Protein backbone atom coordinates (compact mmCIF):
# COMPACT_ATOMS: atom_id res chain seq x y z
CA UNK A 1 -9.58 9.42 -8.61
CA UNK A 2 -6.09 10.49 -7.56
CA UNK A 3 -5.58 12.40 -4.33
CA UNK A 4 -2.65 14.83 -4.26
CA UNK A 5 -1.23 15.11 -0.76
CA UNK A 6 1.72 17.07 0.51
CA UNK A 7 4.43 15.06 2.25
CA UNK A 8 3.47 16.83 5.47
CA UNK A 9 0.28 15.02 6.40
CA UNK A 10 -2.34 17.25 7.96
CA UNK A 11 -3.69 16.19 11.35
CA UNK A 12 -6.89 14.23 11.18
CA UNK A 13 -6.63 13.36 7.50
CA UNK A 14 -6.78 9.62 8.25
CA UNK A 15 -10.13 10.05 9.98
CA UNK A 16 -11.47 12.13 7.06
CA UNK A 17 -10.27 9.60 4.48
CA UNK A 18 -11.57 6.66 6.46
CA UNK A 19 -15.04 8.14 6.84
CA UNK A 20 -15.17 9.03 3.13
CA UNK A 21 -13.79 5.71 1.87
CA UNK A 22 -15.33 3.28 4.31
CA UNK A 23 -18.88 4.53 4.04
CA UNK A 24 -19.94 1.01 3.12
CA UNK A 25 -18.39 -0.54 6.24
CA UNK A 26 -15.27 -1.83 4.48
CA UNK A 27 -12.95 -3.64 6.82
CA UNK A 28 -9.80 -2.69 4.94
CA UNK A 29 -8.44 0.09 2.78
CA UNK A 30 -5.92 -0.33 -0.02
CA UNK A 31 -3.88 2.71 -1.00
CA UNK A 32 -1.50 3.08 -3.90
CA UNK A 33 0.90 5.79 -2.75
CA UNK A 34 3.02 7.24 -5.52
CA UNK A 35 6.20 8.91 -4.34
CA UNK A 36 9.66 9.28 -5.87
CA UNK A 37 11.32 9.10 -2.46
CA UNK A 38 11.18 5.92 -0.38
CA UNK A 39 12.11 7.96 2.69
CA UNK A 40 9.14 10.33 2.24
CA UNK A 41 6.82 7.39 1.69
CA UNK A 42 8.03 5.64 4.85
CA UNK A 43 7.67 8.83 6.87
CA UNK A 44 4.17 9.46 5.53
CA UNK A 45 3.11 5.85 6.17
CA UNK A 46 4.43 6.06 9.74
CA UNK A 47 2.37 9.17 10.38
CA UNK A 48 -0.65 7.56 8.75
CA UNK A 49 -0.31 4.50 11.02
CA UNK A 50 0.16 6.61 14.18
CA UNK A 51 -2.97 8.63 13.41
CA UNK A 52 -4.85 5.37 12.93
CA UNK A 53 -3.57 4.06 16.26
CA UNK A 54 -2.03 1.13 14.40
CA UNK A 55 1.37 -0.44 14.11
CA UNK A 56 3.32 -0.02 10.84
CA UNK A 57 4.82 -3.12 9.20
CA UNK A 58 7.16 -2.52 6.25
CA UNK A 59 8.29 -4.87 3.49
CA UNK A 60 9.93 -4.47 0.08
CA UNK A 61 8.25 -6.31 -2.78
CA UNK A 62 11.51 -7.61 -4.34
CA UNK A 63 12.42 -9.21 -1.00
CA UNK A 64 8.88 -10.44 -0.31
CA UNK A 65 8.37 -12.12 -3.70
CA UNK A 66 11.19 -13.95 -5.46
CA UNK A 67 11.68 -16.80 -7.95
CA UNK A 68 11.12 -19.54 -5.38
CA UNK A 69 7.42 -20.00 -4.60
CA UNK A 70 8.00 -21.66 -1.21
CA UNK A 71 10.16 -18.79 0.01
CA UNK A 72 7.71 -16.17 -1.28
CA UNK A 73 4.80 -18.03 0.32
CA UNK A 74 6.62 -18.18 3.66
CA UNK A 75 7.50 -14.46 3.59
CA UNK A 76 4.00 -13.36 2.60
CA UNK A 77 2.47 -15.53 5.33
CA UNK A 78 4.91 -14.13 7.88
CA UNK A 79 4.05 -10.54 6.92
CA UNK A 80 0.28 -10.98 7.02
CA UNK A 81 0.00 -13.79 9.59
CA UNK A 82 2.09 -12.40 12.45
CA UNK A 83 -0.33 -11.58 15.29
CA UNK A 84 1.06 -8.03 15.61
CA UNK A 85 0.43 -7.39 11.89
CA UNK A 86 -3.11 -8.76 11.62
CA UNK A 87 -4.68 -5.30 11.85
CA UNK A 88 -1.55 -3.24 11.23
CA UNK A 89 -0.95 -0.74 8.46
CA UNK A 90 1.24 -2.64 6.01
CA UNK A 91 3.53 -0.70 3.67
CA UNK A 92 4.92 -2.60 0.69
CA UNK A 93 7.72 -0.60 -1.00
CA UNK A 94 8.69 -0.92 -4.68
CA UNK A 95 5.29 -2.28 -5.72
CA UNK A 96 5.52 -1.04 -9.33
CA UNK A 97 5.95 -4.58 -10.67
CA UNK A 98 2.99 -5.82 -8.66
CA UNK A 99 0.69 -3.13 -10.03
CA UNK A 100 1.58 -3.97 -13.63
CA UNK A 101 1.89 -7.76 -13.16
CA UNK A 102 -0.17 -10.20 -15.13
CA UNK A 103 -0.90 -13.67 -13.79
CA UNK A 104 2.19 -14.43 -11.72
CA UNK A 105 1.18 -17.00 -9.04
CA UNK A 106 3.18 -15.23 -6.31
CA UNK A 107 1.49 -11.92 -7.10
CA UNK A 108 -1.91 -13.62 -7.22
CA UNK A 109 -1.31 -15.06 -3.74
CA UNK A 110 -0.11 -11.70 -2.45
CA UNK A 111 -3.21 -10.04 -3.94
CA UNK A 112 -5.46 -12.52 -2.11
CA UNK A 113 -3.69 -11.83 1.20
CA UNK A 114 -4.01 -8.07 0.64
CA UNK A 115 -7.74 -8.41 -0.05
CA UNK A 116 -8.22 -10.50 3.11
CA UNK A 117 -6.19 -8.16 5.37
CA UNK A 118 -8.31 -6.39 8.00
CA UNK A 119 -6.19 -3.26 8.11
CA UNK A 120 -4.79 -0.78 5.64
CA UNK A 121 -2.29 -1.84 2.98
CA UNK A 122 -0.20 0.83 1.28
CA UNK A 123 1.52 -0.11 -1.98
CA UNK A 124 4.40 2.28 -2.58
CA UNK A 125 5.20 2.95 -6.23
CA UNK A 126 7.01 5.57 -8.27
CA UNK A 127 4.94 8.22 -10.04
CA UNK A 128 4.04 7.08 -13.58
CA UNK A 129 5.37 8.85 -16.65
CA UNK A 130 3.38 11.94 -17.58
CA UNK A 131 -0.05 11.05 -18.88
CA UNK A 132 0.24 7.30 -18.27
CA UNK A 133 -1.10 5.11 -15.50
CA UNK A 134 -0.38 1.40 -15.31
CA UNK A 135 -3.58 -0.61 -15.09
CA UNK A 136 -4.31 -2.20 -11.76
CA UNK A 137 -6.99 -4.79 -11.15
CA UNK A 138 -7.04 -3.83 -7.48
CA UNK A 139 -9.86 -1.67 -6.17
CA UNK A 140 -7.72 0.98 -4.53
CA UNK A 141 -7.54 4.65 -3.71
CA UNK A 142 -4.55 6.26 -5.32
CA UNK A 143 -2.63 9.15 -3.79
CA UNK A 144 0.42 11.09 -4.93
CA UNK A 145 2.72 12.38 -2.24
CA UNK A 146 4.80 14.49 -4.63
CA UNK A 147 2.57 17.23 -5.99
CA UNK A 148 3.02 17.39 -9.76
CA UNK A 149 4.68 20.53 -11.09
CA UNK A 150 2.30 23.00 -12.72
């Protein structure tokens, strides 16, 4: 299911989404937020975090994961292991490659840290081409911040 949301987030929407999505007492929520504008996504994620009463931590996937496993491991651990981020809303920009990735060990490690995170993780990605959706093995709720044209 894809939720279409205007860039102007209505008050209380986090509480509505949380009660609908976490009916089974989930400890974390994973969102795939599709938006053509990184600025809109950041603004929306900031509002989402404020309404949750949480801190927002932001990272870009190309900076977080690179060709050197030890550097990627260190960056991922810093993002998820910092005491201030343990229950924070984490926004990962430019996550298109992660959503379509196969068995890359860095992505597998990142996926395990996302699944273990006790807060909300938002993966920011561009809207897919018309009629196509990249497969994602992650159990996530998908939202589109840019309402598709009619």
